[in-house]
Amino acid sequence: MPRELVFSRTIPESAAILGYALRGYVDEGMERLVLKTLAGGEGFSDELLGVACRGHTSGIDMALGVLLCEAAMADAKDRGGAFKRCLGVLWKP
């Protein structure tokens, strides 16, 4: 899909986030969130909310992606079905 078409279907903030990502720029908020996810400890919720409040739905989408990755990582550690449980919660009627 042409970049201009994608950018025209979202708000300017979300288009900027997509544009930076396409050019390979690191999003500092996402970087902090991913590092907090890997390290555990305090501050994860604050970083998650900081990312989630961006753009129209882009921030929520990015935050959800991080949460699903965290669940997948938990699955790799203990095979407890965390990823499936997360997906089940998301698609419950």
Protein backbone atom coordinates (compact mmCIF):
# COMPACT_ATOMS: atom_id res chain seq x y z
CA MET A 1 0.00 0.00 0.00
CA PRO A 2 1.45 3.42 -0.88
CA ARG A 3 2.85 5.29 2.12
CA GLU A 4 0.85 8.43 1.34
CA LEU A 5 -2.40 6.45 1.37
CA VAL A 6 -1.59 4.93 4.77
CA PHE A 7 -0.60 8.32 6.20
CA SER A 8 -3.78 9.94 4.89
CA ARG A 9 -5.92 7.43 6.80
CA THR A 10 -4.63 8.33 10.24
CA ILE A 11 -4.02 11.42 12.34
CA PRO A 12 -0.76 13.39 11.99
CA GLU A 13 0.70 12.02 15.25
CA SER A 14 0.21 8.42 14.16
CA ALA A 15 1.53 9.17 10.68
CA ALA A 16 4.68 10.62 12.26
CA ILE A 17 5.16 7.49 14.40
CA LEU A 18 4.80 5.30 11.30
CA GLY A 19 7.11 7.52 9.26
CA TYR A 20 9.86 7.41 11.87
CA ALA A 21 9.55 3.64 12.19
CA LEU A 22 9.78 3.22 8.41
CA ARG A 23 13.03 5.19 8.43
CA GLY A 24 14.45 3.04 11.22
CA TYR A 25 14.41 5.65 13.98
CA VAL A 26 14.21 4.39 17.55
CA ASP A 27 11.19 5.52 19.49
CA GLU A 28 12.59 6.44 22.91
CA GLY A 29 9.31 5.75 24.73
CA MET A 30 9.05 2.31 23.16
CA GLU A 31 12.69 1.65 23.92
CA ARG A 32 12.15 2.50 27.61
CA LEU A 33 9.02 0.31 27.68
CA VAL A 34 10.81 -2.66 26.14
CA LEU A 35 13.75 -2.26 28.53
CA LYS A 36 11.35 -2.12 31.51
CA THR A 37 9.62 -5.23 30.17
CA LEU A 38 12.90 -7.11 29.98
CA ALA A 39 14.22 -5.85 33.33
CA GLY A 40 11.00 -6.05 35.32
CA GLY A 41 10.55 -3.90 38.36
CA GLU A 42 8.97 -0.53 38.95
CA GLY A 43 8.05 1.91 36.24
CA PHE A 44 6.60 -0.54 33.73
CA SER A 45 3.03 0.73 34.13
CA ASP A 46 4.12 4.35 33.74
CA GLU A 47 6.05 3.58 30.56
CA LEU A 48 3.14 1.51 29.22
CA LEU A 49 0.67 4.35 29.80
CA GLY A 50 3.11 6.82 28.26
CA VAL A 51 3.13 4.84 25.02
CA ALA A 52 -0.59 4.00 25.10
CA CYS A 53 -1.69 7.65 25.14
CA ARG A 54 -0.03 8.53 21.83
CA GLY A 55 -1.78 9.21 18.58
CA HIS A 56 -5.28 7.99 17.86
CA THR A 57 -4.91 4.24 18.33
CA SER A 58 -1.23 3.80 17.48
CA GLY A 59 -0.09 4.05 21.09
CA ILE A 60 -2.68 1.54 22.26
CA ASP A 61 -1.68 -0.80 19.44
CA MET A 62 2.02 -0.53 20.32
CA ALA A 63 1.35 -1.04 24.04
CA LEU A 64 -0.79 -4.09 23.31
CA GLY A 65 1.97 -5.50 21.11
CA VAL A 66 4.46 -5.17 23.96
CA LEU A 67 2.06 -6.88 26.37
CA LEU A 68 1.50 -9.77 23.95
CA CYS A 69 5.27 -10.14 23.46
CA GLU A 70 5.70 -10.25 27.23
CA ALA A 71 3.10 -13.00 27.44
CA ALA A 72 4.87 -14.91 24.67
CA MET A 73 8.18 -14.57 26.54
CA ALA A 74 6.51 -15.93 29.69
CA ASP A 75 5.27 -18.89 27.65
CA ALA A 76 8.80 -19.63 26.47
CA LYS A 77 9.98 -19.72 30.09
CA ASP A 78 7.33 -21.92 31.69
CA ARG A 79 5.01 -23.16 28.91
CA GLY A 80 2.07 -22.01 30.99
CA GLY A 81 -0.18 -20.80 28.19
CA ALA A 82 0.12 -17.09 29.07
CA PHE A 83 -0.02 -16.03 25.42
CA LYS A 84 -3.16 -18.05 24.73
CA ARG A 85 -4.79 -16.71 27.90
CA CYS A 86 -4.01 -13.12 26.84
CA LEU A 87 -5.47 -13.69 23.40
CA GLY A 88 -8.51 -15.36 24.97
CA VAL A 89 -9.14 -12.33 27.15
CA LEU A 90 -8.87 -10.00 24.16
CA TRP A 91 -11.43 -11.91 22.10
CA LYS A 92 -13.96 -12.80 24.79
CA PRO A 93 -17.44 -11.68 23.86
